[in-house]
């Protein structure tokens, strides 16, 4: 993950080196060589994904690509804030390692769960969640696109919601292989611990506007960005609304920065008239340049 960037671009290598120094161990080796079991631990996954994103962004910046607006899905909001100049990368990578640890420790293994509900009939989600709760926690974690909602909470309540979603006509329901139930009230202990770290971290005002996860509203305030990172730990990621905010602003060029291409797929589902480029590997640069110059 990110190895081709580090091999080809000195700017990307410098980002990996900075992450290694900030964390006190070789995150770069873990990204490049694994083992996969260690990389899948959320306290490692989160700083790894952030580092690859910022390594890729550093390459784009070196090629003259500048963002007019930024947004990031969940963990990606940290990458967006680094790109916008609000947060130092070294601070961000330390924060997200702690974020991953706090989230993992907030809920004992097996107590929580997450699931994706695909093509759930409109207007049925709230009723399903209310019926499924039965005194437990189950809520919308990610409102990803018109066709995809992710729910999180107690394992039993999530399973009941999955069954109810099938009965309501969802095309598909999928239990997600996650280590903790992110973005629900069960994450409040993690929120309290992370808030202390965030309060001790310096945030600058943003050079470009950010659409925040929890509000789907614009901000350029460093203090509002800090509060948004606190609120998003148990809060819902309102991704569909966030993308529509950018569409309403007239955005026509989109680049998903970092590993994978999930967000490009979600954008296509939110508005089929828009297509995103993706950049997380060195070989993708020429396609990104052609896309931006078209």
C-alpha atoms as a PDB file:
ATOM      1  CA  UNK A   1       0.000   0.000   0.000  1.00  0.00           C
ATOM      2  CA  UNK A   2       1.641   3.224  -1.190  1.00  0.00           C
ATOM      3  CA  UNK A   3       4.910   1.497  -2.053  1.00  0.00           C
ATOM      4  CA  UNK A   4       4.943   2.605  -5.693  1.00  0.00           C
ATOM      5  CA  UNK A   5       4.515   6.228  -4.607  1.00  0.00           C
ATOM      6  CA  UNK A   6       7.449   6.014  -2.197  1.00  0.00           C
ATOM      7  CA  UNK A   7       9.645   4.304  -4.784  1.00  0.00           C
ATOM      8  CA  UNK A   8       8.958   6.883  -7.498  1.00  0.00           C
ATOM      9  CA  UNK A   9       8.457  10.187  -5.668  1.00  0.00           C
ATOM     10  CA  UNK A  10      10.785  11.746  -3.048  1.00  0.00           C
ATOM     11  CA  UNK A  11       7.855  13.771  -1.649  1.00  0.00           C
ATOM     12  CA  UNK A  12       5.923  10.578  -0.901  1.00  0.00           C
ATOM     13  CA  UNK A  13       9.019   8.971   0.666  1.00  0.00           C
ATOM     14  CA  UNK A  14       9.334  11.989   2.944  1.00  0.00           C
ATOM     15  CA  UNK A  15       5.739  11.535   4.138  1.00  0.00           C
ATOM     16  CA  UNK A  16       6.347   7.892   5.031  1.00  0.00           C
ATOM     17  CA  UNK A  17       9.572   8.842   6.822  1.00  0.00           C
ATOM     18  CA  UNK A  18       7.712  11.516   8.792  1.00  0.00           C
ATOM     19  CA  UNK A  19       5.065   8.973   9.820  1.00  0.00           C
ATOM     20  CA  UNK A  20       7.734   6.526  10.990  1.00  0.00           C
ATOM     21  CA  UNK A  21       9.391   9.228  13.080  1.00  0.00           C
ATOM     22  CA  UNK A  22       6.126  10.530  14.541  1.00  0.00           C
ATOM     23  CA  UNK A  23       4.922   7.067  15.573  1.00  0.00           C
ATOM     24  CA  UNK A  24       8.246   5.637  16.711  1.00  0.00           C
ATOM     25  CA  UNK A  25       8.032   2.516  14.559  1.00  0.00           C
ATOM     26  CA  UNK A  26       8.206   1.628  10.853  1.00  0.00           C
ATOM     27  CA  UNK A  27       4.679   2.212   9.611  1.00  0.00           C
ATOM     28  CA  UNK A  28       6.157   2.355   6.110  1.00  0.00           C
ATOM     29  CA  UNK A  29       7.402  -1.233   6.382  1.00  0.00           C
ATOM     30  CA  UNK A  30       3.973  -2.334   7.602  1.00  0.00           C
ATOM     31  CA  UNK A  31       2.327  -0.591   4.628  1.00  0.00           C
ATOM     32  CA  UNK A  32       4.758  -1.988   2.069  1.00  0.00           C
ATOM     33  CA  UNK A  33       5.329  -5.500   3.405  1.00  0.00           C
ATOM     34  CA  UNK A  34       2.634  -6.318   5.988  1.00  0.00           C
ATOM     35  CA  UNK A  35       1.910  -8.711   7.591  1.00  0.00           C
ATOM     36  CA  UNK A  36      -1.717  -8.185   6.650  1.00  0.00           C
ATOM     37  CA  UNK A  37      -2.990  -9.345  10.060  1.00  0.00           C
ATOM     38  CA  UNK A  38      -1.124  -6.463  11.735  1.00  0.00           C
ATOM     39  CA  UNK A  39      -2.203  -3.976   9.084  1.00  0.00           C
ATOM     40  CA  UNK A  40      -5.855  -4.912   9.720  1.00  0.00           C
ATOM     41  CA  UNK A  41      -5.656  -3.834  13.372  1.00  0.00           C
ATOM     42  CA  UNK A  42      -7.513  -0.525  13.390  1.00  0.00           C
ATOM     43  CA  UNK A  43      -4.774   1.249  15.390  1.00  0.00           C
ATOM     44  CA  UNK A  44      -2.480   0.448  12.425  1.00  0.00           C
ATOM     45  CA  UNK A  45      -5.041   0.665   9.624  1.00  0.00           C
ATOM     46  CA  UNK A  46      -5.992   4.244  10.438  1.00  0.00           C
ATOM     47  CA  UNK A  47      -2.478   5.789  10.388  1.00  0.00           C
ATOM     48  CA  UNK A  48      -1.581   3.641   7.362  1.00  0.00           C
ATOM     49  CA  UNK A  49      -4.526   4.904   5.323  1.00  0.00           C
ATOM     50  CA  UNK A  50      -3.865   8.502   6.384  1.00  0.00           C
ATOM     51  CA  UNK A  51      -0.190   8.220   5.442  1.00  0.00           C
ATOM     52  CA  UNK A  52      -0.894   6.782   2.004  1.00  0.00           C
ATOM     53  CA  UNK A  53      -3.445   9.545   1.376  1.00  0.00           C
ATOM     54  CA  UNK A  54      -1.037  12.321   2.335  1.00  0.00           C
ATOM     55  CA  UNK A  55       1.812  10.696   0.406  1.00  0.00           C
ATOM     56  CA  UNK A  56      -0.436  10.684  -2.667  1.00  0.00           C
ATOM     57  CA  UNK A  57      -1.566  14.256  -2.001  1.00  0.00           C
ATOM     58  CA  UNK A  58       2.066  15.394  -1.712  1.00  0.00           C
ATOM     59  CA  UNK A  59       2.704  13.966  -5.186  1.00  0.00           C
ATOM     60  CA  UNK A  60      -0.335  15.759  -6.622  1.00  0.00           C
ATOM     61  CA  UNK A  61       0.765  19.017  -4.985  1.00  0.00           C
ATOM     62  CA  UNK A  62       4.224  18.570  -6.501  1.00  0.00           C
ATOM     63  CA  UNK A  63       2.604  18.193  -9.926  1.00  0.00           C
ATOM     64  CA  UNK A  64       0.752  21.477  -9.441  1.00  0.00           C
ATOM     65  CA  UNK A  65      -2.664  20.038  -8.520  1.00  0.00           C
ATOM     66  CA  UNK A  66      -4.465  22.175  -5.938  1.00  0.00           C
ATOM     67  CA  UNK A  67      -7.804  21.524  -4.302  1.00  0.00           C
ATOM     68  CA  UNK A  68     -10.542  24.162  -4.326  1.00  0.00           C
ATOM     69  CA  UNK A  69     -12.572  22.201  -1.752  1.00  0.00           C
ATOM     70  CA  UNK A  70     -11.892  19.138   0.398  1.00  0.00           C
ATOM     71  CA  UNK A  71     -13.950  16.427   2.072  1.00  0.00           C
ATOM     72  CA  UNK A  72     -13.024  13.134   3.703  1.00  0.00           C
ATOM     73  CA  UNK A  73     -15.087  10.103   4.670  1.00  0.00           C
ATOM     74  CA  UNK A  74     -14.696   9.363   8.397  1.00  0.00           C
ATOM     75  CA  UNK A  75     -10.936   8.843   8.876  1.00  0.00           C
ATOM     76  CA  UNK A  76     -10.488  10.680   5.562  1.00  0.00           C
ATOM     77  CA  UNK A  77     -11.542  13.927   7.219  1.00  0.00           C
ATOM     78  CA  UNK A  78      -8.098  13.980   8.871  1.00  0.00           C
ATOM     79  CA  UNK A  79      -6.443  13.686   5.444  1.00  0.00           C
ATOM     80  CA  UNK A  80      -8.670  16.487   4.158  1.00  0.00           C
ATOM     81  CA  UNK A  81      -7.645  18.733   7.058  1.00  0.00           C
ATOM     82  CA  UNK A  82      -3.948  18.059   6.486  1.00  0.00           C
ATOM     83  CA  UNK A  83      -4.399  18.851   2.791  1.00  0.00           C
ATOM     84  CA  UNK A  84      -6.220  22.072   3.715  1.00  0.00           C
ATOM     85  CA  UNK A  85      -3.385  23.170   6.011  1.00  0.00           C
ATOM     86  CA  UNK A  86      -5.411  22.956   9.232  1.00  0.00           C
ATOM     87  CA  UNK A  87      -3.499  20.087  10.818  1.00  0.00           C
ATOM     88  CA  UNK A  88       0.159  19.077  10.751  1.00  0.00           C
ATOM     89  CA  UNK A  89       0.640  15.619   9.288  1.00  0.00           C
ATOM     90  CA  UNK A  90       2.751  14.410  12.234  1.00  0.00           C
ATOM     91  CA  UNK A  91      -0.008  15.456  14.635  1.00  0.00           C
ATOM     92  CA  UNK A  92      -2.663  13.829  12.468  1.00  0.00           C
ATOM     93  CA  UNK A  93      -0.895  10.470  12.220  1.00  0.00           C
ATOM     94  CA  UNK A  94      -0.455  10.322  16.004  1.00  0.00           C
ATOM     95  CA  UNK A  95      -4.088  11.286  16.527  1.00  0.00           C
ATOM     96  CA  UNK A  96      -5.479   8.616  14.230  1.00  0.00           C
ATOM     97  CA  UNK A  97      -3.340   5.906  15.804  1.00  0.00           C
ATOM     98  CA  UNK A  98      -4.881   6.831  19.145  1.00  0.00           C
ATOM     99  CA  UNK A  99      -8.313   7.109  17.506  1.00  0.00           C
ATOM    100  CA  UNK A 100      -8.010   3.544  16.256  1.00  0.00           C
ATOM    101  CA  UNK A 101      -6.877   2.288  19.655  1.00  0.00           C
ATOM    102  CA  UNK A 102      -9.657   4.099  21.504  1.00  0.00           C
ATOM    103  CA  UNK A 103     -12.303   2.798  19.103  1.00  0.00           C
ATOM    104  CA  UNK A 104     -11.047  -0.770  19.443  1.00  0.00           C
ATOM    105  CA  UNK A 105     -11.045  -0.551  23.233  1.00  0.00           C
ATOM    106  CA  UNK A 106     -14.470   1.115  23.496  1.00  0.00           C
ATOM    107  CA  UNK A 107     -16.445  -2.064  22.788  1.00  0.00           C
ATOM    108  CA  UNK A 108     -15.443  -5.655  23.675  1.00  0.00           C
ATOM    109  CA  UNK A 109     -14.934  -7.971  20.721  1.00  0.00           C
ATOM    110  CA  UNK A 110     -18.215  -9.498  19.563  1.00  0.00           C
ATOM    111  CA  UNK A 111     -20.478  -6.994  21.345  1.00  0.00           C
ATOM    112  CA  UNK A 112     -20.901  -4.691  18.357  1.00  0.00           C
ATOM    113  CA  UNK A 113     -21.450  -5.091  14.621  1.00  0.00           C
ATOM    114  CA  UNK A 114     -21.929  -3.172  11.398  1.00  0.00           C
ATOM    115  CA  UNK A 115     -23.897  -3.964   8.251  1.00  0.00           C
ATOM    116  CA  UNK A 116     -24.558  -2.423   4.839  1.00  0.00           C
ATOM    117  CA  UNK A 117     -28.149  -2.113   3.631  1.00  0.00           C
ATOM    118  CA  UNK A 118     -28.313  -1.851  -0.151  1.00  0.00           C
ATOM    119  CA  UNK A 119     -31.215  -0.294  -2.061  1.00  0.00           C
ATOM    120  CA  UNK A 120     -33.422  -0.020   1.003  1.00  0.00           C
ATOM    121  CA  UNK A 121     -36.792   1.494   0.038  1.00  0.00           C
ATOM    122  CA  UNK A 122     -36.869   5.221   0.758  1.00  0.00           C
ATOM    123  CA  UNK A 123     -38.448   6.275   4.032  1.00  0.00           C
ATOM    124  CA  UNK A 124     -38.077   2.910   5.789  1.00  0.00           C
ATOM    125  CA  UNK A 125     -34.733   3.299   7.602  1.00  0.00           C
ATOM    126  CA  UNK A 126     -35.868   5.159  10.732  1.00  0.00           C
ATOM    127  CA  UNK A 127     -38.730   2.760  11.388  1.00  0.00           C
ATOM    128  CA  UNK A 128     -36.464  -0.259  10.946  1.00  0.00           C
ATOM    129  CA  UNK A 129     -33.889   1.100  13.380  1.00  0.00           C
ATOM    130  CA  UNK A 130     -36.547   1.982  15.963  1.00  0.00           C
ATOM    131  CA  UNK A 131     -38.078  -1.508  15.795  1.00  0.00           C
ATOM    132  CA  UNK A 132     -34.716  -3.275  15.844  1.00  0.00           C
ATOM    133  CA  UNK A 133     -33.291  -1.469  18.875  1.00  0.00           C
ATOM    134  CA  UNK A 134     -35.286  -3.208  21.653  1.00  0.00           C
ATOM    135  CA  UNK A 135     -33.362  -1.212  24.236  1.00  0.00           C
ATOM    136  CA  UNK A 136     -30.011  -1.638  22.485  1.00  0.00           C
ATOM    137  CA  UNK A 137     -28.062   0.701  20.196  1.00  0.00           C
ATOM    138  CA  UNK A 138     -28.480   0.569  16.427  1.00  0.00           C
ATOM    139  CA  UNK A 139     -28.202   3.647  14.202  1.00  0.00           C
ATOM    140  CA  UNK A 140     -27.110   4.919  10.812  1.00  0.00           C
ATOM    141  CA  UNK A 141     -23.304   5.065  10.768  1.00  0.00           C
ATOM    142  CA  UNK A 142     -22.725   6.095   7.148  1.00  0.00           C
ATOM    143  CA  UNK A 143     -25.278   7.574   4.753  1.00  0.00           C
ATOM    144  CA  UNK A 144     -23.035   6.745   1.818  1.00  0.00           C
ATOM    145  CA  UNK A 145     -25.279   7.066  -1.231  1.00  0.00           C
ATOM    146  CA  UNK A 146     -28.973   6.794  -2.141  1.00  0.00           C
ATOM    147  CA  UNK A 147     -28.444   3.034  -2.493  1.00  0.00           C
ATOM    148  CA  UNK A 148     -26.121   2.358   0.452  1.00  0.00           C
ATOM    149  CA  UNK A 149     -26.598   2.870   4.179  1.00  0.00           C
ATOM    150  CA  UNK A 150     -24.271   1.400   6.801  1.00  0.00           C
ATOM    151  CA  UNK A 151     -25.662   0.737  10.280  1.00  0.00           C
ATOM    152  CA  UNK A 152     -23.816   0.084  13.549  1.00  0.00           C
ATOM    153  CA  UNK A 153     -24.572  -0.870  17.135  1.00  0.00           C
ATOM    154  CA  UNK A 154     -25.052  -3.885  19.360  1.00  0.00           C
ATOM    155  CA  UNK A 155     -24.680  -7.128  17.401  1.00  0.00           C
ATOM    156  CA  UNK A 156     -28.197  -8.342  18.204  1.00  0.00           C
ATOM    157  CA  UNK A 157     -29.833  -5.062  17.227  1.00  0.00           C
ATOM    158  CA  UNK A 158     -27.850  -4.916  13.972  1.00  0.00           C
ATOM    159  CA  UNK A 159     -28.941  -8.456  13.118  1.00  0.00           C
ATOM    160  CA  UNK A 160     -32.590  -7.586  13.821  1.00  0.00           C
ATOM    161  CA  UNK A 161     -32.271  -4.501  11.610  1.00  0.00           C
ATOM    162  CA  UNK A 162     -30.793  -6.612   8.807  1.00  0.00           C
ATOM    163  CA  UNK A 163     -33.773  -8.979   8.943  1.00  0.00           C
ATOM    164  CA  UNK A 164     -36.243  -6.099   9.008  1.00  0.00           C
ATOM    165  CA  UNK A 165     -34.473  -4.457   6.069  1.00  0.00           C
ATOM    166  CA  UNK A 166     -34.866  -7.656   4.045  1.00  0.00           C
ATOM    167  CA  UNK A 167     -38.566  -7.735   4.899  1.00  0.00           C
ATOM    168  CA  UNK A 168     -38.878  -4.074   3.873  1.00  0.00           C
ATOM    169  CA  UNK A 169     -37.468  -4.836   0.418  1.00  0.00           C
ATOM    170  CA  UNK A 170     -33.741  -4.104   0.644  1.00  0.00           C
ATOM    171  CA  UNK A 171     -32.020  -5.616  -2.369  1.00  0.00           C
ATOM    172  CA  UNK A 172     -29.180  -6.928  -0.214  1.00  0.00           C
ATOM    173  CA  UNK A 173     -27.918  -6.768   3.373  1.00  0.00           C
ATOM    174  CA  UNK A 174     -24.272  -7.473   4.174  1.00  0.00           C
ATOM    175  CA  UNK A 175     -22.628  -7.968   7.573  1.00  0.00           C
ATOM    176  CA  UNK A 176     -19.324  -6.084   7.525  1.00  0.00           C
ATOM    177  CA  UNK A 177     -16.065  -7.625   8.814  1.00  0.00           C
ATOM    178  CA  UNK A 178     -15.118  -4.790  11.175  1.00  0.00           C
ATOM    179  CA  UNK A 179     -13.263  -4.774  14.470  1.00  0.00           C
ATOM    180  CA  UNK A 180     -15.671  -2.378  16.191  1.00  0.00           C
ATOM    181  CA  UNK A 181     -19.071  -0.693  15.608  1.00  0.00           C
ATOM    182  CA  UNK A 182     -17.925   2.703  14.357  1.00  0.00           C
ATOM    183  CA  UNK A 183     -20.041   5.880  14.230  1.00  0.00           C
ATOM    184  CA  UNK A 184     -22.667   4.955  16.809  1.00  0.00           C
ATOM    185  CA  UNK A 185     -23.330   5.730  20.482  1.00  0.00           C
ATOM    186  CA  UNK A 186     -21.181   2.772  21.580  1.00  0.00           C
ATOM    187  CA  UNK A 187     -18.192   4.894  20.518  1.00  0.00           C
ATOM    188  CA  UNK A 188     -18.820   7.560  23.187  1.00  0.00           C
ATOM    189  CA  UNK A 189     -15.977   6.266  25.441  1.00  0.00           C
ATOM    190  CA  UNK A 190     -13.600   6.601  22.474  1.00  0.00           C
ATOM    191  CA  UNK A 191     -14.965  10.083  21.785  1.00  0.00           C
ATOM    192  CA  UNK A 192     -14.216  11.222  25.349  1.00  0.00           C
ATOM    193  CA  UNK A 193     -10.634   9.968  25.189  1.00  0.00           C
ATOM    194  CA  UNK A 194      -9.948  11.392  21.726  1.00  0.00           C
ATOM    195  CA  UNK A 195     -11.412  14.769  22.706  1.00  0.00           C
ATOM    196  CA  UNK A 196      -8.576  15.188  25.220  1.00  0.00           C
ATOM    197  CA  UNK A 197      -5.954  14.555  22.521  1.00  0.00           C
ATOM    198  CA  UNK A 198      -7.695  16.848  20.049  1.00  0.00           C
ATOM    199  CA  UNK A 199      -7.898  19.620  22.640  1.00  0.00           C
ATOM    200  CA  UNK A 200      -4.118  19.435  23.040  1.00  0.00           C
ATOM    201  CA  UNK A 201      -3.498  19.652  19.275  1.00  0.00           C
ATOM    202  CA  UNK A 202      -3.000  22.879  17.331  1.00  0.00           C
ATOM    203  CA  UNK A 203      -5.516  23.532  14.548  1.00  0.00           C
ATOM    204  CA  UNK A 204      -5.119  26.358  12.029  1.00  0.00           C
ATOM    205  CA  UNK A 205      -7.898  27.811   9.910  1.00  0.00           C
ATOM    206  CA  UNK A 206      -8.276  26.021   6.571  1.00  0.00           C
ATOM    207  CA  UNK A 207      -6.822  27.347   3.325  1.00  0.00           C
ATOM    208  CA  UNK A 208      -9.811  25.918   1.395  1.00  0.00           C
ATOM    209  CA  UNK A 209     -13.338  25.026   2.545  1.00  0.00           C
ATOM    210  CA  UNK A 210     -14.094  21.603   4.019  1.00  0.00           C
ATOM    211  CA  UNK A 211     -17.488  19.880   3.977  1.00  0.00           C
ATOM    212  CA  UNK A 212     -17.728  18.260   7.403  1.00  0.00           C
ATOM    213  CA  UNK A 213     -18.972  14.698   7.940  1.00  0.00           C
ATOM    214  CA  UNK A 214     -21.419  15.297  10.756  1.00  0.00           C
ATOM    215  CA  UNK A 215     -23.074  18.469   9.473  1.00  0.00           C
ATOM    216  CA  UNK A 216     -22.541  18.241   5.688  1.00  0.00           C
ATOM    217  CA  UNK A 217     -21.858  21.998   5.964  1.00  0.00           C
ATOM    218  CA  UNK A 218     -18.903  24.165   4.957  1.00  0.00           C
ATOM    219  CA  UNK A 219     -16.221  25.318   7.349  1.00  0.00           C
ATOM    220  CA  UNK A 220     -12.857  27.047   7.117  1.00  0.00           C
ATOM    221  CA  UNK A 221     -12.519  27.352  10.912  1.00  0.00           C
ATOM    222  CA  UNK A 222      -9.820  25.319  12.617  1.00  0.00           C
ATOM    223  CA  UNK A 223     -11.840  25.269  15.822  1.00  0.00           C
ATOM    224  CA  UNK A 224     -14.937  24.007  14.004  1.00  0.00           C
ATOM    225  CA  UNK A 225     -12.765  21.349  12.340  1.00  0.00           C
ATOM    226  CA  UNK A 226     -11.574  20.164  15.757  1.00  0.00           C
ATOM    227  CA  UNK A 227     -15.164  19.989  17.052  1.00  0.00           C
ATOM    228  CA  UNK A 228     -16.198  18.094  13.923  1.00  0.00           C
ATOM    229  CA  UNK A 229     -13.558  15.422  14.542  1.00  0.00           C
ATOM    230  CA  UNK A 230     -14.857  14.987  18.080  1.00  0.00           C
ATOM    231  CA  UNK A 231     -18.489  14.809  16.963  1.00  0.00           C
ATOM    232  CA  UNK A 232     -17.849  12.312  14.159  1.00  0.00           C
ATOM    233  CA  UNK A 233     -16.615   9.511  16.460  1.00  0.00           C
ATOM    234  CA  UNK A 234     -20.163   8.466  17.487  1.00  0.00           C
ATOM    235  CA  UNK A 235     -21.858  10.573  14.793  1.00  0.00           C
ATOM    236  CA  UNK A 236     -23.273   9.707  11.389  1.00  0.00           C
ATOM    237  CA  UNK A 237     -21.120  10.300   8.299  1.00  0.00           C
ATOM    238  CA  UNK A 238     -23.501  12.236   6.044  1.00  0.00           C
ATOM    239  CA  UNK A 239     -21.643  11.503   2.834  1.00  0.00           C
ATOM    240  CA  UNK A 240     -24.498  11.788   0.352  1.00  0.00           C
ATOM    241  CA  UNK A 241     -25.369  15.265   1.647  1.00  0.00           C
ATOM    242  CA  UNK A 242     -21.678  16.231   1.668  1.00  0.00           C
ATOM    243  CA  UNK A 243     -21.245  15.302  -1.978  1.00  0.00           C
ATOM    244  CA  UNK A 244     -24.419  17.139  -2.918  1.00  0.00           C
ATOM    245  CA  UNK A 245     -23.065  20.206  -1.137  1.00  0.00           C
ATOM    246  CA  UNK A 246     -20.036  20.049  -3.446  1.00  0.00           C
ATOM    247  CA  UNK A 247     -22.206  19.418  -6.495  1.00  0.00           C
ATOM    248  CA  UNK A 248     -24.291  22.474  -5.609  1.00  0.00           C
ATOM    249  CA  UNK A 249     -21.059  24.496  -5.443  1.00  0.00           C
ATOM    250  CA  UNK A 250     -20.394  23.606  -9.071  1.00  0.00           C
ATOM    251  CA  UNK A 251     -17.605  21.054  -8.607  1.00  0.00           C
ATOM    252  CA  UNK A 252     -16.919  19.202 -11.868  1.00  0.00           C
ATOM    253  CA  UNK A 253     -13.493  17.645 -11.230  1.00  0.00           C
ATOM    254  CA  UNK A 254     -13.051  15.111  -8.425  1.00  0.00           C
ATOM    255  CA  UNK A 255      -9.966  13.182  -7.333  1.00  0.00           C
ATOM    256  CA  UNK A 256     -10.158  10.423  -4.732  1.00  0.00           C
ATOM    257  CA  UNK A 257      -6.764  10.555  -3.026  1.00  0.00           C
ATOM    258  CA  UNK A 258      -5.345   7.466  -1.301  1.00  0.00           C
ATOM    259  CA  UNK A 259      -5.842   3.710  -1.304  1.00  0.00           C
ATOM    260  CA  UNK A 260      -8.824   2.214  -3.130  1.00  0.00           C
ATOM    261  CA  UNK A 261     -11.690   3.668  -5.121  1.00  0.00           C
ATOM    262  CA  UNK A 262     -14.778   3.369  -2.908  1.00  0.00           C
ATOM    263  CA  UNK A 263     -15.590   7.083  -2.916  1.00  0.00           C
ATOM    264  CA  UNK A 264     -15.426   7.310  -6.699  1.00  0.00           C
ATOM    265  CA  UNK A 265     -18.052   4.568  -6.844  1.00  0.00           C
ATOM    266  CA  UNK A 266     -20.260   6.347  -4.320  1.00  0.00           C
ATOM    267  CA  UNK A 267     -20.069   9.599  -6.301  1.00  0.00           C
ATOM    268  CA  UNK A 268     -21.246   7.790  -9.424  1.00  0.00           C
ATOM    269  CA  UNK A 269     -24.210   6.438  -7.452  1.00  0.00           C
ATOM    270  CA  UNK A 270     -25.018   9.868  -5.998  1.00  0.00           C
ATOM    271  CA  UNK A 271     -24.825  11.575  -9.413  1.00  0.00           C
ATOM    272  CA  UNK A 272     -24.234   9.398 -12.500  1.00  0.00           C
ATOM    273  CA  UNK A 273     -23.247  12.502 -14.486  1.00  0.00           C
ATOM    274  CA  UNK A 274     -20.049  12.893 -12.455  1.00  0.00           C
ATOM    275  CA  UNK A 275     -16.964  10.720 -12.527  1.00  0.00           C
ATOM    276  CA  UNK A 276     -13.989  10.862 -10.173  1.00  0.00           C
ATOM    277  CA  UNK A 277     -10.357  10.064 -10.891  1.00  0.00           C
ATOM    278  CA  UNK A 278      -8.397   8.164  -8.264  1.00  0.00           C
ATOM    279  CA  UNK A 279      -4.800   8.509  -7.194  1.00  0.00           C
ATOM    280  CA  UNK A 280      -3.129   6.170  -4.752  1.00  0.00           C
ATOM    281  CA  UNK A 281      -0.491   4.486  -6.905  1.00  0.00           C
ATOM    282  CA  UNK A 282       2.234   5.961  -9.100  1.00  0.00           C
ATOM    283  CA  UNK A 283       0.835   4.328 -12.237  1.00  0.00           C
ATOM    284  CA  UNK A 284      -2.415   6.283 -11.869  1.00  0.00           C
ATOM    285  CA  UNK A 285      -0.867   9.731 -12.349  1.00  0.00           C
ATOM    286  CA  UNK A 286      -1.133   9.865 -16.140  1.00  0.00           C
ATOM    287  CA  UNK A 287      -4.854   9.034 -16.011  1.00  0.00           C
ATOM    288  CA  UNK A 288      -5.383  11.700 -13.350  1.00  0.00           C
ATOM    289  CA  UNK A 289      -3.540  14.314 -15.419  1.00  0.00           C
ATOM    290  CA  UNK A 290      -5.582  13.447 -18.530  1.00  0.00           C
ATOM    291  CA  UNK A 291      -8.788  13.670 -16.492  1.00  0.00           C
ATOM    292  CA  UNK A 292      -7.911  17.065 -15.024  1.00  0.00           C
ATOM    293  CA  UNK A 293      -6.841  18.477 -18.385  1.00  0.00           C
ATOM    294  CA  UNK A 294      -9.891  17.220 -20.304  1.00  0.00           C
END
